[in-house]
Amino acid sequence: MTTSASSAPAAVPTRPARNGVRQTLLVLGATGDLTGRLLLPGLGRLVATGAVPGLRLIGSGMEHWDDERWRRRVADAFAAAGEVTPAESEVIRDTRYVPADVTREEDLRSLLGCCAGPVVIFFALPPMVTARAAAALARVGVPPGTRLMLEKPFGVDRISARSLNELLVTLVPEDQVHRIDHFLGKSTVLNLLGLRFANRIFEPVLNSAHVACVDIVFDETLGLEGRAGYYDGTGALVDMVQSHLLQVLALLTIDPPPTLQAQELRGRKAQVLRATRLWQDDPVRSSRRARYTAGEAGGRRLPNYTDEPGVDAGRGTETLAELVVTVDTWRWAGVPFRLRSGKAVHGVRKEAVVTFKQPARVPDGLTGYERPDRLRIGFGPDRLGLDLNINAPGKPFELDQVNLTANFGPGDLPPYGEVLRGAFEGDPTLSVRGDVAEECWRIVEPVLAAWRAGTVPLQEYPAGSAGPADSLIGPVLGCPR
């Protein structure tokens, strides 16, 4: 049932905005994959709404591009996201590219001199380069009202994340630091709040008395896709679980906030993540890692991961990561949460699934009860599903499971458009607070240490398969599969 790099840059002249307010988006790392694939398309859609009139876009990187090459990149990215509007065309005409080494103070001074009005600085850079650029900015200083946007991962461990946080707040106040997790810009993820707190039929049963287990899964048929430069040094655990999936877990498990203002919502998320730890505090038994071998996934033939261009087989990078955690609060104590993300598996699966406990008793005379009730929140496609056991048509004493589905459809903006809007409007609601970033590292660090020590074997699975055959979470944890 369905319902519906680096000579000092020259100053760039500016033009007044039509509404008298002009902002600048300064993208550091503008030639990278993330900028072209995610940031610019999201920016284009946001500009098209008229939310940031007169925006000045400046791209910067080590590569010696000229303005025309940069404009082509921006134009192509905007066009890929939809028909280019006059507002987007204005941004394309006005945008500039300035080669710079963003870890050099003199280059940063010149870059900031190119900016007009309030400035949003987007660090589309690896974590270590981000830290060096932020340290240089701290010596230079930034204009009043500057907001900083940082792409995950935030640091490379808890210590580096804390060090970066301490550095950033010497530049701007915490609420002007936007640590980006684009999952928090997904309309369906945000719909978790409405689903939980505006529907009495769900919220009273979302607790350990009624829930057997929860799965948060982001599986995809895509392989490495030429991203070895980033991914092979990161892996599935840090790329997906440590960031995106823990953010989803937080929204699924928070207690109701008084309001959805940033301070309230982000405070609730920090509470549950502080209470989150590995199942039985055992990183060996509660985690699994694997990488794909040759096979066919998504209709394409993929080589062994270790044969992909740019991969260093000696790193032992995983393409599938899985761990089980518990949220040790009054509401959720004892419920296992499985977080899993895998590349090159047999099908796309992007959802959170709440599996409910079986009824205390099914009356004698009713047959066919085999599968538990489940609440499914899909992140791609965006939908809500409810698996229920009802009497089979024409067989009143037999139970059959049906699925009720509501399709949400996409939001008005892509995820990066949403998180960019928050930065331009000075609203940190959809960004990750500094202490939360540190807590996410705390949760996964025992697993990373166990993996580095070799106490958790690196398994393999053929591309196009479901992954390793065994499961971390099953009947032993009271969770029917």
Protein backbone atom coordinates (compact mmCIF):
# COMPACT_ATOMS: atom_id res chain seq x y z
CA MET A 1 0.00 0.00 0.00
CA THR A 2 1.65 3.19 -1.16
CA THR A 3 0.96 6.90 -0.64
CA SER A 4 2.10 9.48 -2.15
CA ALA A 5 49.01 26.44 -4.98
CA SER A 6 50.73 29.54 -4.74
CA SER A 7 51.90 32.96 -5.82
CA ALA A 8 50.16 35.58 -3.74
CA PRO A 9 46.77 36.15 -5.36
CA ALA A 10 45.69 39.51 -6.68
CA ALA A 11 42.72 41.34 -5.29
CA VAL A 12 39.42 40.71 -7.06
CA PRO A 13 37.02 43.58 -7.74
CA THR A 14 33.52 43.17 -6.39
CA ARG A 15 30.06 44.16 -7.58
CA PRO A 16 27.21 45.19 -5.29
CA ALA A 17 24.46 42.73 -4.56
CA ARG A 18 20.99 43.59 -5.74
CA ASN A 19 19.59 43.61 -2.23
CA GLY A 20 22.55 45.45 -0.72
CA VAL A 21 23.85 42.41 1.18
CA ARG A 22 26.72 40.49 -0.35
CA GLN A 23 28.31 37.30 0.94
CA THR A 24 31.36 35.45 -0.31
CA LEU A 25 31.86 31.72 -0.41
CA LEU A 26 35.59 30.99 -0.46
CA VAL A 27 36.25 27.36 -1.36
CA LEU A 28 39.67 26.03 -0.34
CA GLY A 29 40.39 22.86 -2.29
CA ALA A 30 38.22 23.97 -5.19
CA THR A 31 39.71 21.56 -7.74
CA GLY A 32 38.99 18.43 -5.71
CA ASP A 33 36.42 15.73 -6.26
CA LEU A 34 34.14 16.76 -3.43
CA THR A 35 33.76 20.30 -4.74
CA GLY A 36 32.70 19.19 -8.19
CA ARG A 37 30.59 16.22 -7.19
CA LEU A 38 28.71 17.51 -4.16
CA LEU A 39 29.43 21.09 -3.11
CA LEU A 40 28.89 22.95 -6.38
CA PRO A 41 25.66 21.16 -7.41
CA GLY A 42 24.21 21.84 -3.97
CA LEU A 43 25.30 25.46 -4.17
CA GLY A 44 23.70 25.85 -7.58
CA ARG A 45 20.31 24.67 -6.35
CA LEU A 46 20.55 26.96 -3.32
CA VAL A 47 21.43 29.97 -5.49
CA ALA A 48 18.51 29.13 -7.75
CA THR A 49 16.09 29.59 -4.84
CA GLY A 50 17.22 33.19 -4.36
CA ALA A 51 18.36 32.48 -0.81
CA VAL A 52 21.83 34.02 -1.31
CA PRO A 53 21.41 37.00 -3.67
CA GLY A 54 24.61 38.60 -4.88
CA LEU A 55 26.76 35.67 -3.78
CA ARG A 56 30.41 35.94 -4.76
CA LEU A 57 32.08 32.57 -5.32
CA ILE A 58 35.87 32.30 -5.18
CA GLY A 59 37.66 29.01 -5.72
CA SER A 60 41.23 28.40 -4.66
CA GLY A 61 43.67 25.54 -4.87
CA MET A 62 47.26 24.57 -5.57
CA GLU A 63 46.55 23.85 -9.24
CA HIS A 64 47.27 26.69 -11.64
CA TRP A 65 43.83 26.93 -13.18
CA ASP A 66 42.61 30.11 -14.83
CA ASP A 67 39.24 31.75 -14.34
CA GLU A 68 37.78 30.22 -17.48
CA ARG A 69 38.58 26.64 -16.48
CA TRP A 70 37.05 27.24 -13.05
CA ARG A 71 33.94 28.82 -14.58
CA ARG A 72 33.48 25.74 -16.78
CA ARG A 73 33.63 23.54 -13.71
CA VAL A 74 31.06 25.65 -11.89
CA ALA A 75 28.79 25.84 -14.93
CA ASP A 76 28.95 22.09 -15.53
CA ALA A 77 28.17 21.35 -11.89
CA PHE A 78 25.25 23.77 -11.81
CA ALA A 79 23.85 22.33 -15.05
CA ALA A 80 24.15 18.76 -13.77
CA ALA A 81 21.84 19.62 -10.89
CA GLY A 82 19.11 21.21 -12.99
CA GLU A 83 18.32 23.96 -15.44
CA VAL A 84 20.62 26.93 -14.85
CA THR A 85 18.70 29.95 -13.63
CA PRO A 86 19.60 33.63 -14.13
CA ALA A 87 20.79 33.81 -10.51
CA GLU A 88 23.17 30.89 -11.14
CA SER A 89 24.36 32.42 -14.40
CA GLU A 90 25.27 35.59 -12.51
CA VAL A 91 27.37 33.59 -10.04
CA ILE A 92 29.10 31.80 -12.93
CA ARG A 93 29.93 35.06 -14.72
CA ASP A 94 31.28 36.65 -11.53
CA THR A 95 33.22 33.73 -10.05
CA ARG A 96 37.01 33.75 -9.90
CA TYR A 97 39.71 31.18 -9.32
CA VAL A 98 42.82 32.19 -7.37
CA PRO A 99 45.78 29.78 -7.10
CA ALA A 100 47.07 29.76 -3.55
CA ASP A 101 48.80 27.65 -0.92
CA VAL A 102 46.24 27.89 1.85
CA THR A 103 48.80 26.94 4.51
CA ARG A 104 50.78 30.16 3.79
CA GLU A 105 49.83 33.28 5.69
CA GLU A 106 50.55 35.70 2.82
CA ASP A 107 48.35 33.72 0.44
CA LEU A 108 45.52 33.61 2.94
CA ARG A 109 45.73 37.38 3.52
CA SER A 110 45.42 37.97 -0.20
CA LEU A 111 42.54 35.50 -0.52
CA LEU A 112 40.62 37.21 2.26
CA GLY A 113 41.27 40.53 0.52
CA CYS A 114 39.37 39.16 -2.46
CA CYS A 115 36.23 38.62 -0.41
CA ALA A 116 33.33 41.00 0.04
CA GLY A 117 30.92 41.17 2.94
CA PRO A 118 30.44 38.29 5.36
CA VAL A 119 32.66 35.38 4.36
CA VAL A 120 31.97 31.66 4.48
CA ILE A 121 35.19 29.66 4.16
CA PHE A 122 34.67 26.07 3.02
CA PHE A 123 37.58 23.71 3.74
CA ALA A 124 37.26 21.05 1.04
CA LEU A 125 40.61 19.68 2.17
CA PRO A 126 42.07 16.56 3.82
CA PRO A 127 42.05 16.72 7.63
CA MET A 128 45.75 17.43 8.06
CA VAL A 129 45.73 20.22 5.45
CA THR A 130 42.62 21.68 7.07
CA ALA A 131 44.44 21.83 10.41
CA ARG A 132 47.46 23.56 8.86
CA ALA A 133 45.24 26.04 6.99
CA ALA A 134 43.28 26.81 10.17
CA ALA A 135 46.53 27.38 12.08
CA ALA A 136 47.69 29.82 9.40
CA LEU A 137 44.31 31.59 9.50
CA ALA A 138 44.63 31.92 13.28
CA ARG A 139 47.84 33.86 12.75
CA VAL A 140 46.27 36.01 10.03
CA GLY A 141 42.85 36.55 11.57
CA VAL A 142 39.50 36.56 9.79
CA PRO A 143 36.94 39.33 9.16
CA PRO A 144 34.14 39.76 11.70
CA GLY A 145 31.17 37.50 11.00
CA THR A 146 33.22 34.88 9.17
CA ARG A 147 31.79 31.38 9.25
CA LEU A 148 33.87 28.25 8.75
CA MET A 149 32.64 25.10 7.02
CA LEU A 150 34.69 21.94 7.46
CA GLU A 151 34.19 18.71 5.59
CA LYS A 152 34.43 15.42 7.46
CA PRO A 153 36.36 13.65 8.77
CA PHE A 154 37.05 16.18 11.51
CA GLY A 155 40.61 15.30 12.43
CA VAL A 156 42.02 11.79 12.19
CA ASP A 157 41.33 10.73 15.79
CA ARG A 158 39.88 12.12 18.99
CA ILE A 159 43.07 13.96 20.00
CA SER A 160 43.44 15.70 16.63
CA ALA A 161 39.73 16.55 16.59
CA ARG A 162 40.01 18.17 20.01
CA SER A 163 43.13 20.06 18.95
CA LEU A 164 41.36 21.33 15.82
CA ASN A 165 38.33 22.36 17.85
CA GLU A 166 40.50 24.35 20.25
CA LEU A 167 42.12 26.07 17.28
CA LEU A 168 38.87 26.89 15.51
CA VAL A 169 37.31 28.65 18.49
CA THR A 170 40.27 31.05 18.53
CA LEU A 171 39.12 32.11 15.05
CA VAL A 172 35.34 32.34 15.50
CA PRO A 173 32.75 31.36 18.12
CA GLU A 174 31.60 27.74 18.11
CA ASP A 175 28.21 28.58 16.60
CA GLN A 176 30.03 30.02 13.55
CA VAL A 177 31.82 26.70 12.93
CA HIS A 178 29.83 24.46 10.63
CA ARG A 179 31.20 20.91 10.61
CA ILE A 180 29.47 19.42 7.63
CA ASP A 181 27.77 16.07 7.60
CA HIS A 182 25.58 16.15 4.53
CA PHE A 183 23.45 13.32 5.92
CA LEU A 184 21.98 15.97 8.19
CA GLY A 185 20.76 17.74 5.07
CA LYS A 186 18.86 14.71 3.78
CA SER A 187 15.16 15.40 3.98
CA THR A 188 14.36 11.87 5.14
CA VAL A 189 16.90 12.02 7.96
CA LEU A 190 15.30 15.24 9.15
CA ASN A 191 11.90 13.59 8.84
CA LEU A 192 12.97 11.34 11.70
CA LEU A 193 12.16 14.21 14.02
CA GLY A 194 8.64 14.61 12.75
CA LEU A 195 8.07 10.87 12.62
CA ARG A 196 9.14 10.39 16.22
CA PHE A 197 7.81 13.46 17.97
CA ALA A 198 4.60 14.22 16.09
CA ASN A 199 3.13 10.69 16.03
CA ARG A 200 1.95 9.17 19.26
CA ILE A 201 1.73 5.68 17.79
CA PHE A 202 5.53 5.50 17.37
CA GLU A 203 7.21 7.40 20.17
CA PRO A 204 5.81 5.34 23.09
CA VAL A 205 7.19 2.10 21.63
CA LEU A 206 10.64 3.36 20.60
CA ASN A 207 12.45 2.04 23.66
CA SER A 208 14.00 -1.13 25.08
CA ALA A 209 10.66 -2.51 26.28
CA HIS A 210 9.45 -2.93 22.71
CA VAL A 211 12.47 -2.79 20.38
CA ALA A 212 14.61 -5.89 19.77
CA CYS A 213 17.32 -4.21 17.69
CA VAL A 214 18.03 -1.42 15.23
CA ASP A 215 19.95 -1.59 11.94
CA ILE A 216 21.37 1.53 10.27
CA VAL A 217 22.71 0.47 6.90
CA PHE A 218 24.23 2.28 3.94
CA ASP A 219 25.18 -0.29 1.31
CA GLU A 220 25.87 0.57 -2.32
CA THR A 221 26.76 -1.22 -5.53
CA LEU A 222 29.42 1.38 -6.39
CA GLY A 223 33.07 0.44 -6.01
CA LEU A 224 36.00 2.79 -5.54
CA GLU A 225 35.07 4.97 -8.55
CA GLY A 226 38.56 6.49 -8.90
CA ARG A 227 38.60 7.89 -5.36
CA ALA A 228 41.62 5.98 -4.05
CA GLY A 229 43.40 9.21 -3.12
CA TYR A 230 40.83 9.80 -0.41
CA TYR A 231 39.19 6.49 0.29
CA ASP A 232 42.22 4.19 0.54
CA GLY A 233 43.52 6.24 3.45
CA THR A 234 40.13 6.39 5.12
CA GLY A 235 38.05 3.24 4.69
CA ALA A 236 34.39 2.53 5.28
CA LEU A 237 34.45 2.88 9.06
CA VAL A 238 35.69 6.46 9.09
CA ASP A 239 34.09 7.49 5.80
CA MET A 240 30.58 6.37 6.72
CA VAL A 241 30.10 4.89 10.18
CA GLN A 242 32.12 7.32 12.30
CA SER A 243 30.34 10.24 10.73
CA HIS A 244 27.07 9.74 8.87
CA LEU A 245 25.64 6.67 10.56
CA LEU A 246 26.38 7.86 14.08
CA GLN A 247 24.51 11.07 13.26
CA VAL A 248 21.49 9.03 12.16
CA LEU A 249 21.75 6.96 15.34
CA ALA A 250 21.71 10.14 17.41
CA LEU A 251 18.49 11.37 15.78
CA LEU A 252 16.88 7.96 16.25
CA THR A 253 17.71 7.81 19.94
CA ILE A 254 17.49 11.35 21.33
CA ASP A 255 14.85 12.24 23.88
CA PRO A 256 12.36 14.88 22.73
CA PRO A 257 13.97 18.34 22.69
CA PRO A 258 11.86 21.27 23.91
CA THR A 259 12.40 23.00 20.56
CA LEU A 260 14.27 22.33 17.33
CA GLN A 261 16.58 25.29 17.88
CA ALA A 262 20.26 24.49 17.44
CA GLN A 263 21.16 24.61 21.13
CA GLU A 264 18.41 22.20 22.15
CA LEU A 265 18.72 19.70 19.31
CA ARG A 266 22.51 19.56 19.30
CA GLY A 267 22.52 19.22 23.09
CA ARG A 268 20.24 16.19 22.91
CA LYS A 269 22.47 14.59 20.26
CA ALA A 270 25.53 15.11 22.43
CA GLN A 271 23.78 13.40 25.35
CA VAL A 272 23.02 10.16 23.52
CA LEU A 273 26.43 9.98 21.83
CA ARG A 274 28.11 10.36 25.22
CA ALA A 275 26.06 7.33 26.29
CA THR A 276 26.99 5.28 23.20
CA ARG A 277 29.65 2.59 23.43
CA LEU A 278 30.59 -0.67 21.77
CA TRP A 279 28.47 -3.67 22.57
CA GLN A 280 29.88 -5.30 25.74
CA ASP A 281 32.85 -2.91 25.37
CA ASP A 282 34.46 -5.53 23.12
CA PRO A 283 35.87 -4.14 19.85
CA VAL A 284 36.75 -7.62 18.58
CA ARG A 285 33.36 -9.27 19.00
CA SER A 286 31.38 -6.17 18.13
CA SER A 287 33.07 -5.22 14.85
CA ARG A 288 33.78 -6.67 11.44
CA ARG A 289 35.73 -5.49 8.41
CA ALA A 290 36.01 -6.78 4.87
CA ARG A 291 36.94 -5.68 1.36
CA TYR A 292 35.65 -6.68 -2.02
CA THR A 293 37.31 -8.96 -4.52
CA ALA A 294 36.56 -9.20 -8.25
CA GLY A 295 32.95 -9.60 -9.24
CA GLU A 296 29.96 -7.92 -10.83
CA ALA A 297 28.02 -5.27 -8.96
CA GLY A 298 25.39 -2.92 -10.29
CA GLY A 299 25.75 -4.42 -13.76
CA ARG A 300 29.47 -3.66 -13.97
CA ARG A 301 32.52 -5.85 -13.64
CA LEU A 302 34.77 -4.71 -10.80
CA PRO A 303 38.38 -5.79 -10.14
CA ASN A 304 39.78 -6.76 -6.77
CA TYR A 305 39.85 -3.69 -4.55
CA THR A 306 43.62 -4.13 -4.24
CA ASP A 307 43.91 -3.92 -8.05
CA GLU A 308 42.06 -0.60 -8.26
CA PRO A 309 44.29 2.30 -9.45
CA GLY A 310 45.99 4.09 -6.58
CA VAL A 311 45.27 1.45 -3.92
CA ASP A 312 48.04 0.39 -1.55
CA ALA A 313 47.21 -3.20 -0.64
CA GLY A 314 49.47 -2.99 2.40
CA ARG A 315 47.13 -0.53 4.08
CA GLY A 316 44.48 -3.16 4.57
CA THR A 317 41.69 -0.69 3.88
CA GLU A 318 38.20 -2.08 4.40
CA THR A 319 35.34 -1.43 1.98
CA LEU A 320 32.76 -2.87 4.37
CA ALA A 321 32.58 -1.96 8.04
CA GLU A 322 30.13 -3.14 10.62
CA LEU A 323 29.90 -2.61 14.35
CA VAL A 324 27.36 -3.07 17.09
CA VAL A 325 26.88 -0.41 19.75
CA THR A 326 24.56 0.21 22.65
CA VAL A 327 23.06 3.51 23.76
CA ASP A 328 23.28 3.22 27.52
CA THR A 329 20.33 5.41 28.49
CA TRP A 330 17.12 4.66 30.36
CA ARG A 331 15.24 4.48 27.06
CA TRP A 332 17.64 2.28 25.06
CA ALA A 333 19.81 0.23 27.46
CA GLY A 334 20.17 -3.34 26.21
CA VAL A 335 19.15 -2.69 22.60
CA PRO A 336 21.85 -3.55 20.02
CA PHE A 337 22.35 -1.06 17.21
CA ARG A 338 24.12 -2.38 14.14
CA LEU A 339 25.86 0.22 11.96
CA ARG A 340 26.99 -1.08 8.59
CA SER A 341 28.29 0.37 5.35
CA GLY A 342 29.60 -1.59 2.38
CA LYS A 343 30.74 -0.87 -1.14
CA ALA A 344 30.24 -3.09 -4.19
CA VAL A 345 27.55 -5.25 -2.63
CA HIS A 346 24.66 -6.88 -4.44
CA GLY A 347 22.11 -4.13 -3.95
CA VAL A 348 21.56 -0.61 -2.75
CA ARG A 349 20.29 -0.48 0.79
CA LYS A 350 20.12 2.85 2.59
CA GLU A 351 17.83 2.66 5.56
CA ALA A 352 17.30 2.51 9.30
CA VAL A 353 15.24 -0.46 10.42
CA VAL A 354 13.66 -0.75 13.85
CA THR A 355 12.81 -4.40 14.60
CA PHE A 356 10.22 -4.81 17.31
CA LYS A 357 10.09 -7.62 19.83
CA GLN A 358 7.62 -10.42 19.30
CA PRO A 359 4.25 -10.21 21.04
CA ALA A 360 4.15 -11.71 24.50
CA ARG A 361 1.93 -14.43 23.07
CA VAL A 362 0.19 -15.20 19.80
CA PRO A 363 -3.15 -16.93 20.51
CA ASP A 364 -3.44 -20.61 19.68
CA GLY A 365 -5.20 -21.04 16.39
CA LEU A 366 -3.34 -18.30 14.58
CA THR A 367 -0.58 -19.69 12.35
CA GLY A 368 2.05 -18.26 10.06
CA TYR A 369 3.71 -15.79 12.44
CA GLU A 370 7.32 -15.85 11.27
CA ARG A 371 8.56 -12.30 10.85
CA PRO A 372 8.52 -9.48 13.39
CA ASP A 373 7.03 -6.04 12.91
CA ARG A 374 9.50 -3.54 11.53
CA LEU A 375 9.63 0.20 10.99
CA ARG A 376 11.77 1.14 7.98
CA ILE A 377 13.07 4.64 7.26
CA GLY A 378 14.64 4.74 3.79
CA PHE A 379 17.30 7.31 2.86
CA GLY A 380 17.41 6.52 -0.83
CA PRO A 381 14.79 6.21 -2.05
CA ASP A 382 13.17 8.40 0.58
CA ARG A 383 10.33 6.45 2.11
CA LEU A 384 8.76 5.20 5.28
CA GLY A 385 7.69 1.57 5.57
CA LEU A 386 5.91 -0.46 8.20
CA ASP A 387 5.97 -4.28 8.10
CA LEU A 388 2.91 -5.67 9.91
CA ASN A 389 1.39 -9.10 10.49
CA ILE A 390 -2.29 -9.32 9.55
CA ASN A 391 -4.75 -12.05 8.69
CA ALA A 392 -4.19 -13.41 5.20
CA PRO A 393 -6.93 -12.71 2.62
CA GLY A 394 -9.38 -15.62 2.55
CA LYS A 395 -7.52 -17.42 5.33
CA PRO A 396 -8.60 -15.73 8.56
CA PHE A 397 -6.53 -17.99 10.83
CA GLU A 398 -3.27 -17.52 8.94
CA LEU A 399 -1.00 -14.54 9.45
CA ASP A 400 0.73 -12.85 6.56
CA GLN A 401 3.06 -9.86 6.53
CA VAL A 402 2.23 -6.75 4.57
CA ASN A 403 4.21 -3.58 4.03
CA LEU A 404 2.64 -0.15 4.26
CA THR A 405 4.77 2.42 2.45
CA ALA A 406 4.77 6.18 2.18
CA ASN A 407 7.10 7.81 -0.33
CA PHE A 408 8.51 11.16 0.76
CA GLY A 409 10.21 12.24 -2.42
CA PRO A 410 13.28 14.48 -2.43
CA GLY A 411 13.48 17.73 -0.51
CA ASP A 412 13.53 21.12 -2.16
CA LEU A 413 17.32 21.20 -1.93
CA PRO A 414 20.01 18.50 -2.19
CA PRO A 415 21.81 17.79 1.09
CA TYR A 416 24.72 20.15 0.41
CA GLY A 417 22.28 22.90 -0.47
CA GLU A 418 20.63 22.50 2.92
CA VAL A 419 23.86 22.59 4.92
CA LEU A 420 25.16 25.55 2.87
CA ARG A 421 21.96 27.45 3.59
CA GLY A 422 22.54 26.92 7.30
CA ALA A 423 25.99 28.49 7.03
CA PHE A 424 24.83 31.46 4.95
CA GLU A 425 21.99 32.11 7.39
CA GLY A 426 24.19 31.62 10.44
CA ASP A 427 22.10 28.69 11.66
CA PRO A 428 24.22 25.78 13.00
CA THR A 429 21.29 23.39 13.54
CA LEU A 430 22.39 21.02 10.76
CA SER A 431 26.09 21.16 11.62
CA VAL A 432 28.05 18.93 14.00
CA ARG A 433 29.05 20.52 17.28
CA GLY A 434 32.69 20.22 18.36
CA ASP A 435 32.09 17.92 21.33
CA VAL A 436 29.92 15.64 19.19
CA ALA A 437 32.73 15.26 16.64
CA GLU A 438 35.03 14.18 19.47
CA GLU A 439 32.49 11.70 20.84
CA CYS A 440 32.14 10.03 17.43
CA TRP A 441 35.90 9.42 17.42
CA ARG A 442 35.73 8.08 20.98
CA ILE A 443 33.14 5.49 19.98
CA VAL A 444 35.11 4.05 17.06
CA GLU A 445 38.70 4.40 18.33
CA PRO A 446 38.75 1.02 20.14
CA VAL A 447 37.67 -0.61 16.87
CA LEU A 448 40.35 1.19 14.85
CA ALA A 449 42.96 0.12 17.41
CA ALA A 450 41.82 -3.51 17.27
CA TRP A 451 41.91 -3.46 13.48
CA ARG A 452 45.40 -1.98 13.41
CA ALA A 453 46.54 -4.67 15.86
CA GLY A 454 45.14 -7.38 13.58
CA THR A 455 42.83 -8.85 16.23
CA VAL A 456 39.88 -8.48 13.84
CA PRO A 457 40.63 -10.28 10.55
CA LEU A 458 40.14 -8.51 7.24
CA GLN A 459 37.61 -10.69 5.46
CA GLU A 460 36.83 -10.68 1.77
CA TYR A 461 33.63 -10.82 -0.23
CA PRO A 462 33.05 -10.98 -4.00
CA ALA A 463 31.80 -7.75 -5.54
CA GLY A 464 28.08 -8.14 -6.07
CA SER A 465 27.55 -10.39 -3.07
CA ALA A 466 25.84 -9.52 0.21
CA GLY A 467 29.20 -9.27 1.98
CA PRO A 468 30.64 -11.77 4.47
CA ALA A 469 28.17 -14.56 5.16
CA ASP A 470 28.04 -14.32 8.95
CA SER A 471 26.33 -11.53 10.83
CA LEU A 472 27.37 -9.61 13.90
CA ILE A 473 23.85 -9.19 15.11
CA GLY A 474 21.41 -12.08 15.32
CA PRO A 475 19.38 -14.29 17.61
CA VAL A 476 22.12 -14.31 20.25
CA LEU A 477 21.38 -10.61 20.77
CA GLY A 478 17.66 -11.13 20.75
CA CYS A 479 17.24 -9.74 17.27
CA PRO A 480 15.38 -11.89 14.72
CA ARG A 481 16.74 -11.59 11.21
